[in-house]
C-alpha atoms as a PDB file:
ATOM      1  CA  MET A   1     -17.958   2.908   4.416  1.00  0.00           C
ATOM      2  CA  ASN A   2     -17.418  -0.820   4.179  1.00  0.00           C
ATOM      3  CA  PHE A   3     -14.394  -2.138   6.149  1.00  0.00           C
ATOM      4  CA  SER A   4     -13.412  -5.634   6.539  1.00  0.00           C
ATOM      5  CA  LEU A   5     -13.219  -7.443   9.339  1.00  0.00           C
ATOM      6  CA  GLY A   6      -9.513  -6.736   9.590  1.00  0.00           C
ATOM      7  CA  GLU A   7     -10.206  -3.194   9.572  1.00  0.00           C
ATOM      8  CA  MET A   8     -12.775  -2.983  11.373  1.00  0.00           C
ATOM      9  CA  MET A   9     -10.305  -4.989  14.621  1.00  0.00           C
ATOM     10  CA  ILE A  10      -7.816  -2.235  14.020  1.00  0.00           C
ATOM     11  CA  ILE A  11     -10.422   0.247  14.365  1.00  0.00           C
ATOM     12  CA  SER A  12     -11.770  -1.126  17.619  1.00  0.00           C
ATOM     13  CA  GLY A  13      -8.282  -1.460  18.582  1.00  0.00           C
ATOM     14  CA  MET A  14      -7.584   2.244  18.075  1.00  0.00           C
ATOM     15  CA  THR A  15     -11.081   2.948  19.215  1.00  0.00           C
ATOM     16  CA  ALA A  16     -10.307   1.004  23.157  1.00  0.00           C
ATOM     17  CA  MET A  17      -6.773   2.859  23.515  1.00  0.00           C
ATOM     18  CA  VAL A  18      -8.587   6.301  23.338  1.00  0.00           C
ATOM     19  CA  GLU A  19     -11.988   5.212  25.492  1.00  0.00           C
ATOM     20  CA  ASP A  20     -10.637   2.739  27.887  1.00  0.00           C
ATOM     21  CA  GLU A  21      -6.994   3.747  27.787  1.00  0.00           C
ATOM     22  CA  GLY A  22      -7.565   7.536  28.279  1.00  0.00           C
ATOM     23  CA  LYS A  23      -5.329   7.824  24.990  1.00  0.00           C
ATOM     24  CA  HIS A  24      -5.418  11.023  22.733  1.00  0.00           C
ATOM     25  CA  PRO A  25      -5.669  10.385  19.771  1.00  0.00           C
ATOM     26  CA  ARG A  26      -2.157  11.902  18.660  1.00  0.00           C
ATOM     27  CA  GLU A  27      -0.839   9.363  20.934  1.00  0.00           C
ATOM     28  CA  VAL A  28      -3.037   6.486  19.132  1.00  0.00           C
ATOM     29  CA  MET A  29      -1.131   7.610  15.669  1.00  0.00           C
ATOM     30  CA  GLU A  30       1.668   8.308  16.865  1.00  0.00           C
ATOM     31  CA  ALA A  31       1.367   4.083  18.574  1.00  0.00           C
ATOM     32  CA  MET A  32       0.371   2.984  15.113  1.00  0.00           C
ATOM     33  CA  GLU A  33       3.261   4.124  13.785  1.00  0.00           C
ATOM     34  CA  LYS A  34       5.762   2.144  15.861  1.00  0.00           C
ATOM     35  CA  ILE A  35       3.337  -0.856  15.285  1.00  0.00           C
ATOM     36  CA  LYS A  36       3.392  -0.403  11.588  1.00  0.00           C
ATOM     37  CA  ARG A  37       7.535  -0.207  11.999  1.00  0.00           C
ATOM     38  CA  ASP A  38       7.795  -2.911  13.942  1.00  0.00           C
ATOM     39  CA  THR A  39       5.365  -5.269  11.946  1.00  0.00           C
ATOM     40  CA  PHE A  40       5.812  -4.582   8.456  1.00  0.00           C
ATOM     41  CA  HIS A  41       8.660  -7.504   7.752  1.00  0.00           C
ATOM     42  CA  ALA A  42       6.683  -9.881   9.636  1.00  0.00           C
ATOM     43  CA  LEU A  43       3.385  -9.093   7.395  1.00  0.00           C
ATOM     44  CA  LEU A  44       5.648  -9.183   4.379  1.00  0.00           C
ATOM     45  CA  GLU A  45       6.958 -13.056   5.503  1.00  0.00           C
ATOM     46  CA  ILE A  46       3.730 -14.307   5.671  1.00  0.00           C
ATOM     47  CA  HIS A  47       1.967 -12.839   2.744  1.00  0.00           C
ATOM     48  CA  GLN A  48       5.441 -14.221   0.924  1.00  0.00           C
ATOM     49  CA  GLU A  49       4.617 -17.347   2.459  1.00  0.00           C
ATOM     50  CA  VAL A  50       0.667 -17.309   1.973  1.00  0.00           C
ATOM     51  CA  ASN A  51       0.794 -15.990  -1.948  1.00  0.00           C
ATOM     52  CA  GLY A  52       3.716 -18.634  -2.537  1.00  0.00           C
ATOM     53  CA  GLY A  53       6.461 -16.035  -2.834  1.00  0.00           C
ATOM     54  CA  LYS A  54       5.064 -13.663  -5.029  1.00  0.00           C
ATOM     55  CA  LYS A  55       5.396 -10.095  -4.500  1.00  0.00           C
ATOM     56  CA  LYS A  56       3.233  -7.145  -5.099  1.00  0.00           C
END
């Protein structure tokens, strides 16, 4: 599999949640869903700024 740097950083963070924080993989996935909900609009704004207001 070919992952981008950003994707590898996300995977690394998820791995740390299991290995270092002792979370169950289900808890990691629940946390990822919350993170996704909490950050979507900010990421959309950043995307629009970077791409000159273009929506995809």
